[in-house]
């Protein structure tokens, strides 16, 4: 009798765990796919690539400003 109760409780817990996991997946899909409240994995990867591109462009622009600033300083020194 006790064995049957324990086995029934284990099956019940396994069922609840399975239902909880399924509902979590369902809510995750709703948030990302249906309601569009969160970005999908591909959108995050694309955004990260865009951020890297902007960072690279900003670094190059900063280097160009530094070179221009040095040239201007050299020109001012020559005039003085």
C-alpha atoms as a PDB file:
ATOM      1  CA  UNK A   1       0.000   0.000   0.000  1.00  0.00           C
ATOM      2  CA  UNK A   2       2.754   2.484   0.936  1.00  0.00           C
ATOM      3  CA  UNK A   3       4.615   1.555  -2.244  1.00  0.00           C
ATOM      4  CA  UNK A   4       1.548   2.440  -4.309  1.00  0.00           C
ATOM      5  CA  UNK A   5       1.188   5.808  -2.555  1.00  0.00           C
ATOM      6  CA  UNK A   6       4.859   6.673  -3.057  1.00  0.00           C
ATOM      7  CA  UNK A   7       4.724   5.655  -6.708  1.00  0.00           C
ATOM      8  CA  UNK A   8       1.548   7.704  -7.223  1.00  0.00           C
ATOM      9  CA  UNK A   9       3.171  10.730  -5.564  1.00  0.00           C
ATOM     10  CA  UNK A  10       6.269  10.353  -7.777  1.00  0.00           C
ATOM     11  CA  UNK A  11       4.122  10.149 -10.883  1.00  0.00           C
ATOM     12  CA  UNK A  12       2.141  13.174  -9.766  1.00  0.00           C
ATOM     13  CA  UNK A  13       5.310  15.183  -9.179  1.00  0.00           C
ATOM     14  CA  UNK A  14       6.731  14.119 -12.538  1.00  0.00           C
ATOM     15  CA  UNK A  15       3.503  15.212 -14.216  1.00  0.00           C
ATOM     16  CA  UNK A  16       3.569  18.592 -12.457  1.00  0.00           C
ATOM     17  CA  UNK A  17       7.210  19.118 -13.430  1.00  0.00           C
ATOM     18  CA  UNK A  18       6.428  18.251 -17.051  1.00  0.00           C
ATOM     19  CA  UNK A  19       3.463  20.633 -17.118  1.00  0.00           C
ATOM     20  CA  UNK A  20       5.501  23.426 -15.525  1.00  0.00           C
ATOM     21  CA  UNK A  21       8.289  23.039 -18.092  1.00  0.00           C
ATOM     22  CA  UNK A  22       5.777  22.992 -20.940  1.00  0.00           C
ATOM     23  CA  UNK A  23       4.051  26.115 -19.644  1.00  0.00           C
ATOM     24  CA  UNK A  24       7.390  27.900 -19.250  1.00  0.00           C
ATOM     25  CA  UNK A  25       8.262  27.110 -22.878  1.00  0.00           C
ATOM     26  CA  UNK A  26       4.822  28.261 -23.968  1.00  0.00           C
ATOM     27  CA  UNK A  27       5.108  31.574 -22.102  1.00  0.00           C
ATOM     28  CA  UNK A  28       8.602  32.069 -23.513  1.00  0.00           C
ATOM     29  CA  UNK A  29       7.311  31.550 -27.028  1.00  0.00           C
ATOM     30  CA  UNK A  30       4.419  33.936 -26.395  1.00  0.00           C
ATOM     31  CA  UNK A  31       6.728  36.665 -25.112  1.00  0.00           C
ATOM     32  CA  UNK A  32       9.175  36.339 -28.029  1.00  0.00           C
ATOM     33  CA  UNK A  33       7.076  35.233 -30.981  1.00  0.00           C
ATOM     34  CA  UNK A  34       3.505  36.352 -30.396  1.00  0.00           C
ATOM     35  CA  UNK A  35       3.647  39.411 -28.181  1.00  0.00           C
ATOM     36  CA  UNK A  36       7.099  40.559 -29.376  1.00  0.00           C
ATOM     37  CA  UNK A  37       8.002  41.744 -25.867  1.00  0.00           C
ATOM     38  CA  UNK A  38      11.511  40.282 -26.070  1.00  0.00           C
ATOM     39  CA  UNK A  39      13.853  39.840 -29.017  1.00  0.00           C
ATOM     40  CA  UNK A  40      14.651  36.424 -30.418  1.00  0.00           C
ATOM     41  CA  UNK A  41      18.142  34.933 -30.443  1.00  0.00           C
ATOM     42  CA  UNK A  42      18.816  35.973 -34.047  1.00  0.00           C
ATOM     43  CA  UNK A  43      17.727  39.530 -33.352  1.00  0.00           C
ATOM     44  CA  UNK A  44      20.065  39.711 -30.367  1.00  0.00           C
ATOM     45  CA  UNK A  45      22.970  38.380 -32.445  1.00  0.00           C
ATOM     46  CA  UNK A  46      22.247  40.874 -35.232  1.00  0.00           C
ATOM     47  CA  UNK A  47      22.063  43.745 -32.736  1.00  0.00           C
ATOM     48  CA  UNK A  48      25.359  42.666 -31.149  1.00  0.00           C
ATOM     49  CA  UNK A  49      26.976  42.664 -34.605  1.00  0.00           C
ATOM     50  CA  UNK A  50      25.637  46.160 -35.253  1.00  0.00           C
ATOM     51  CA  UNK A  51      27.000  47.370 -31.910  1.00  0.00           C
ATOM     52  CA  UNK A  52      30.416  45.928 -32.798  1.00  0.00           C
ATOM     53  CA  UNK A  53      30.309  47.731 -36.157  1.00  0.00           C
ATOM     54  CA  UNK A  54      29.439  51.052 -34.512  1.00  0.00           C
ATOM     55  CA  UNK A  55      32.207  50.577 -31.964  1.00  0.00           C
ATOM     56  CA  UNK A  56      34.701  49.869 -34.742  1.00  0.00           C
ATOM     57  CA  UNK A  57      33.604  52.931 -36.719  1.00  0.00           C
ATOM     58  CA  UNK A  58      33.799  55.105 -33.601  1.00  0.00           C
ATOM     59  CA  UNK A  59      37.333  53.898 -32.873  1.00  0.00           C
ATOM     60  CA  UNK A  60      38.438  54.685 -36.420  1.00  0.00           C
ATOM     61  CA  UNK A  61      36.812  58.108 -36.263  1.00  0.00           C
ATOM     62  CA  UNK A  62      38.527  58.825 -32.963  1.00  0.00           C
ATOM     63  CA  UNK A  63      41.891  57.880 -34.484  1.00  0.00           C
ATOM     64  CA  UNK A  64      41.230  60.226 -37.408  1.00  0.00           C
ATOM     65  CA  UNK A  65      40.366  63.068 -34.999  1.00  0.00           C
ATOM     66  CA  UNK A  66      43.570  62.413 -33.065  1.00  0.00           C
ATOM     67  CA  UNK A  67      45.624  62.541 -36.293  1.00  0.00           C
ATOM     68  CA  UNK A  68      43.893  65.758 -37.357  1.00  0.00           C
ATOM     69  CA  UNK A  69      44.490  67.296 -33.943  1.00  0.00           C
ATOM     70  CA  UNK A  70      48.219  66.461 -34.196  1.00  0.00           C
ATOM     71  CA  UNK A  71      48.421  67.963 -37.684  1.00  0.00           C
ATOM     72  CA  UNK A  72      46.705  71.135 -36.497  1.00  0.00           C
ATOM     73  CA  UNK A  73      49.025  71.387 -33.512  1.00  0.00           C
ATOM     74  CA  UNK A  74      52.042  70.928 -35.799  1.00  0.00           C
ATOM     75  CA  UNK A  75      50.724  73.610 -38.162  1.00  0.00           C
ATOM     76  CA  UNK A  76      50.217  76.048 -35.256  1.00  0.00           C
ATOM     77  CA  UNK A  77      53.742  75.350 -34.022  1.00  0.00           C
ATOM     78  CA  UNK A  78      55.175  76.067 -37.472  1.00  0.00           C
ATOM     79  CA  UNK A  79      53.312  79.388 -37.667  1.00  0.00           C
ATOM     80  CA  UNK A  80      54.563  80.545 -34.292  1.00  0.00           C
END
